[in-house]
Protein backbone atom coordinates (compact mmCIF):
# COMPACT_ATOMS: atom_id res chain seq x y z
CA UNK A 1 -27.49 6.50 22.50
CA UNK A 2 -24.41 8.39 23.61
CA UNK A 3 -24.06 11.92 22.34
CA UNK A 4 -21.93 12.06 19.22
CA UNK A 5 -19.92 15.32 19.21
CA UNK A 6 -19.16 15.05 15.49
CA UNK A 7 -21.44 14.19 12.56
CA UNK A 8 -20.77 10.94 10.76
CA UNK A 9 -19.81 10.66 7.12
CA UNK A 10 -21.20 7.39 5.79
CA UNK A 11 -20.22 5.82 2.47
CA UNK A 12 -22.09 2.87 1.00
CA UNK A 13 -20.93 0.99 -2.09
CA UNK A 14 -23.46 -1.31 -3.74
CA UNK A 15 -22.20 -4.52 -5.38
CA UNK A 16 -23.95 -7.59 -6.81
CA UNK A 17 -23.03 -9.39 -3.57
CA UNK A 18 -24.32 -6.72 -1.22
CA UNK A 19 -23.31 -3.35 0.17
CA UNK A 20 -19.99 -2.28 1.63
CA UNK A 21 -20.37 0.39 4.29
CA UNK A 22 -17.94 2.63 6.17
CA UNK A 23 -18.34 5.59 8.51
CA UNK A 24 -15.94 8.23 9.84
CA UNK A 25 -16.33 11.15 12.23
CA UNK A 26 -16.39 14.53 10.48
CA UNK A 27 -14.07 16.39 12.84
CA UNK A 28 -13.30 20.06 12.06
CA UNK A 29 -9.93 19.05 10.57
CA UNK A 30 -11.20 16.15 8.44
CA UNK A 31 -10.15 17.01 4.88
CA UNK A 32 -13.16 15.82 2.87
CA UNK A 33 -16.94 15.61 2.80
CA UNK A 34 -16.66 12.38 0.81
CA UNK A 35 -14.51 9.96 2.81
CA UNK A 36 -11.95 8.16 0.63
CA UNK A 37 -11.63 4.41 1.05
CA UNK A 38 -7.96 4.76 2.00
CA UNK A 39 -6.69 7.73 3.99
CA UNK A 40 -4.56 8.29 7.06
CA UNK A 41 -7.25 10.65 8.34
CA UNK A 42 -9.67 7.72 8.60
CA UNK A 43 -7.58 5.76 11.08
CA UNK A 44 -8.50 7.62 14.26
CA UNK A 45 -11.94 8.74 13.07
CA UNK A 46 -13.45 5.52 11.74
CA UNK A 47 -16.52 4.25 13.56
CA UNK A 48 -17.24 1.51 11.01
CA UNK A 49 -14.63 -0.15 8.80
CA UNK A 50 -15.23 -1.00 5.16
CA UNK A 51 -14.33 -4.68 5.65
CA UNK A 52 -15.75 -6.45 8.68
CA UNK A 53 -16.25 -10.09 7.76
CA UNK A 54 -15.95 -12.83 5.15
CA UNK A 55 -18.98 -11.63 3.19
CA UNK A 56 -17.27 -8.27 2.58
CA UNK A 57 -14.38 -9.88 0.74
CA UNK A 58 -16.59 -10.95 -2.18
CA UNK A 59 -18.00 -7.42 -2.31
CA UNK A 60 -14.54 -5.86 -2.23
CA UNK A 61 -13.51 -7.80 -5.31
CA UNK A 62 -16.17 -5.88 -7.27
CA UNK A 63 -14.78 -2.54 -6.05
CA UNK A 64 -11.16 -3.41 -6.85
CA UNK A 65 -11.99 -4.47 -10.39
CA UNK A 66 -9.58 -4.66 -13.30
CA UNK A 67 -8.40 -1.05 -13.77
CA UNK A 68 -7.69 -1.68 -17.46
CA UNK A 69 -11.40 -2.31 -18.04
CA UNK A 70 -12.15 1.40 -17.62
CA UNK A 71 -11.43 4.44 -19.76
CA UNK A 72 -7.68 5.06 -19.45
CA UNK A 73 -7.56 8.14 -21.67
CA UNK A 74 -7.07 10.53 -18.75
CA UNK A 75 -4.41 8.31 -17.19
CA UNK A 76 -2.41 8.07 -20.41
CA UNK A 77 -2.67 11.81 -21.06
CA UNK A 78 -1.45 12.56 -17.54
CA UNK A 79 1.41 10.08 -17.92
CA UNK A 80 2.48 11.74 -21.17
CA UNK A 81 2.57 15.17 -19.50
CA UNK A 82 4.60 13.83 -16.57
CA UNK A 83 7.09 12.11 -18.86
CA UNK A 84 7.54 15.26 -20.94
CA UNK A 85 8.09 17.33 -17.78
CA UNK A 86 10.68 14.86 -16.46
CA UNK A 87 12.48 14.57 -19.80
CA UNK A 88 12.90 18.34 -20.01
CA UNK A 89 14.37 18.48 -16.50
CA UNK A 90 16.37 15.27 -16.49
CA UNK A 91 14.57 13.70 -13.51
CA UNK A 92 13.20 10.23 -12.91
CA UNK A 93 9.67 9.23 -13.82
CA UNK A 94 8.14 7.38 -10.89
CA UNK A 95 4.96 5.35 -10.83
CA UNK A 96 3.30 3.80 -7.81
CA UNK A 97 1.84 0.38 -7.17
CA UNK A 98 -0.92 -0.28 -4.60
CA UNK A 99 0.34 -1.92 -1.42
CA UNK A 100 -1.79 -4.84 -0.16
CA UNK A 101 -0.79 -4.19 3.46
CA UNK A 102 -1.60 -0.48 3.24
CA UNK A 103 -5.02 -1.01 1.71
CA UNK A 104 -5.89 -3.98 3.92
CA UNK A 105 -5.05 -2.14 7.12
CA UNK A 106 -7.15 0.82 5.97
CA UNK A 107 -10.09 -1.38 5.00
CA UNK A 108 -9.99 -3.51 8.14
CA UNK A 109 -8.29 -1.28 10.72
CA UNK A 110 -4.77 -1.88 12.03
CA UNK A 111 -5.77 -3.41 15.36
CA UNK A 112 -8.45 -5.55 13.73
CA UNK A 113 -6.00 -6.80 11.12
CA UNK A 114 -3.34 -7.75 13.64
CA UNK A 115 -5.92 -9.61 15.75
CA UNK A 116 -7.32 -11.30 12.64
CA UNK A 117 -3.81 -12.34 11.62
CA UNK A 118 -3.58 -14.24 14.92
CA UNK A 119 -7.14 -15.62 15.01
CA UNK A 120 -8.06 -16.04 11.34
CA UNK A 121 -4.95 -15.79 9.19
CA UNK A 122 -6.69 -17.27 6.17
CA UNK A 123 -9.09 -14.31 6.15
CA UNK A 124 -6.22 -11.81 6.21
CA UNK A 125 -4.39 -13.65 3.42
CA UNK A 126 -7.54 -13.64 1.29
CA UNK A 127 -7.95 -9.89 1.81
CA UNK A 128 -4.30 -9.27 0.94
CA UNK A 129 -4.65 -11.48 -2.13
CA UNK A 130 -7.59 -9.46 -3.47
CA UNK A 131 -5.63 -6.23 -3.20
CA UNK A 132 -2.49 -7.88 -4.58
CA UNK A 133 -4.25 -9.02 -7.75
CA UNK A 134 -5.59 -5.51 -8.30
CA UNK A 135 -2.09 -4.15 -7.64
CA UNK A 136 -0.58 -6.39 -10.33
CA UNK A 137 -3.02 -5.10 -12.93
CA UNK A 138 -2.31 -1.53 -11.85
CA UNK A 139 1.44 -2.09 -12.12
CA UNK A 140 0.99 -3.51 -15.63
CA UNK A 141 -0.64 -0.22 -16.65
CA UNK A 142 2.14 1.84 -15.06
CA UNK A 143 4.85 -0.20 -16.76
CA UNK A 144 3.04 0.02 -20.08
CA UNK A 145 3.21 3.84 -20.16
CA UNK A 146 6.90 3.72 -19.18
CA UNK A 147 8.55 4.76 -15.92
CA UNK A 148 12.06 4.67 -14.45
CA UNK A 149 11.05 3.49 -10.97
CA UNK A 150 7.98 2.17 -9.21
CA UNK A 151 7.34 3.02 -5.58
CA UNK A 152 5.71 0.61 -3.16
CA UNK A 153 4.60 1.73 0.29
CA UNK A 154 5.48 -0.76 3.02
CA UNK A 155 4.81 1.90 5.63
CA UNK A 156 2.72 -0.47 7.80
CA UNK A 157 4.89 -3.55 7.32
CA UNK A 158 7.71 -2.66 9.74
CA UNK A 159 8.56 -4.54 12.90
CA UNK A 160 6.60 -1.94 14.87
CA UNK A 161 3.59 -3.95 13.68
CA UNK A 162 4.81 -7.38 12.54
CA UNK A 163 7.51 -9.92 13.27
CA UNK A 164 9.90 -10.93 10.47
CA UNK A 165 8.09 -14.28 10.36
CA UNK A 166 4.76 -12.50 9.87
CA UNK A 167 6.30 -10.35 7.16
CA UNK A 168 7.60 -13.37 5.28
CA UNK A 169 4.27 -15.20 5.56
CA UNK A 170 1.84 -12.36 4.89
CA UNK A 171 3.55 -9.77 2.71
CA UNK A 172 6.40 -11.23 0.68
CA UNK A 173 4.12 -13.50 -1.42
CA UNK A 174 2.51 -10.44 -2.99
CA UNK A 175 5.67 -8.31 -3.03
CA UNK A 176 7.95 -10.71 -4.90
CA UNK A 177 5.85 -10.80 -8.11
CA UNK A 178 5.75 -6.99 -8.19
CA UNK A 179 9.54 -6.75 -7.94
CA UNK A 180 9.90 -9.35 -10.69
CA UNK A 181 7.43 -7.52 -12.95
CA UNK A 182 9.32 -4.26 -12.52
CA UNK A 183 12.67 -5.89 -13.27
CA UNK A 184 11.32 -7.66 -16.36
CA UNK A 185 10.36 -4.22 -17.66
CA UNK A 186 13.82 -2.81 -16.86
CA UNK A 187 12.43 -0.65 -14.03
CA UNK A 188 13.92 -0.11 -10.57
CA UNK A 189 11.80 -1.12 -7.56
CA UNK A 190 11.58 1.42 -4.73
CA UNK A 191 10.41 0.22 -1.28
CA UNK A 192 9.23 3.01 1.04
CA UNK A 193 8.96 2.62 4.82
CA UNK A 194 9.34 5.08 7.67
CA UNK A 195 9.22 2.63 10.56
CA UNK A 196 11.47 -0.14 11.91
CA UNK A 197 13.28 -1.72 8.96
CA UNK A 198 16.56 -3.21 10.20
CA UNK A 199 15.11 -6.71 10.60
CA UNK A 200 14.18 -6.94 6.92
CA UNK A 201 17.34 -5.79 5.13
CA UNK A 202 18.53 -9.21 3.97
CA UNK A 203 15.00 -10.14 2.88
CA UNK A 204 14.90 -7.08 0.60
CA UNK A 205 18.38 -7.86 -0.70
CA UNK A 206 17.36 -11.41 -1.61
CA UNK A 207 14.10 -10.18 -3.15
CA UNK A 208 15.89 -7.68 -5.40
CA UNK A 209 14.64 -4.37 -4.01
CA UNK A 210 16.68 -1.64 -5.73
CA UNK A 211 15.88 1.48 -3.67
CA UNK A 212 15.08 1.87 0.03
CA UNK A 213 13.66 5.01 1.65
CA UNK A 214 13.33 6.98 3.69
CA UNK A 215 15.63 5.59 6.38
CA UNK A 216 13.99 7.12 9.44
CA UNK A 217 16.34 7.20 12.47
CA UNK A 218 15.30 6.73 16.11
CA UNK A 219 13.05 7.42 17.89
CA UNK A 220 10.40 7.02 15.13
CA UNK A 221 12.42 4.48 13.15
CA UNK A 222 15.46 2.31 13.75
CA UNK A 223 17.59 3.07 10.67
CA UNK A 224 21.35 2.96 11.27
CA UNK A 225 22.86 4.30 8.04
CA UNK A 226 26.29 2.82 8.62
CA UNK A 227 24.87 -0.61 9.39
CA UNK A 228 22.49 -0.50 6.42
CA UNK A 229 25.35 0.51 4.13
CA UNK A 230 27.48 -2.35 5.43
CA UNK A 231 24.76 -4.98 5.09
CA UNK A 232 23.03 -4.07 1.81
CA UNK A 233 24.63 -0.88 0.48
CA UNK A 234 26.40 -2.72 -2.32
CA UNK A 235 23.11 -3.55 -4.06
CA UNK A 236 20.38 -1.26 -2.66
CA UNK A 237 20.30 2.50 -3.25
CA UNK A 238 19.73 4.29 0.08
CA UNK A 239 17.30 7.11 -0.68
CA UNK A 240 17.10 9.42 2.34
């Protein structure tokens, strides 16, 4: 075997359908001895991804179980403290909703997911659907405690990764219900992305996105503030 300059951190999660396994390199700057399932630090250090094939999808469904089935006492107490803090200072209360694309690309790996989307799109859609269902239940909990906005991370959905046609096919089916749920609760929907966004502006307008951030200009992004204002500024808050 080739010499491994860094020790491996291995996490195994047992489910009734078998074990999910992931491994990352413990470089000197890795922030944890217990690798989280989703973390930017895993991207360049992963040697084994959590999701590798069809059999892992059944196992993943046991990990992303209904969050309301657990003890929510700590969550509700934290929410109450946050709301009190915000009320005293006159600032918005923001909750977050899990992003299927973010979690899927962490579980599978970005390159693997893009290749799978070309070779086995049904697999990718099934993975996204599992996370999306968990995200809906999570959003229900957030809306129940009461927030002013919900933030959704579309950080890996920009045209640096996907075409507009891919976006419409893969990501909007899970995004639309979340926007509708937020609006039914009287809550503003905040879409966060720091990559190329100009190709999606009209899609977000039609979908009802209320807030867009954080409008990253070139070279990292492609945001043109004047153009964004002209195209969607009458209905979307530009949050820089």
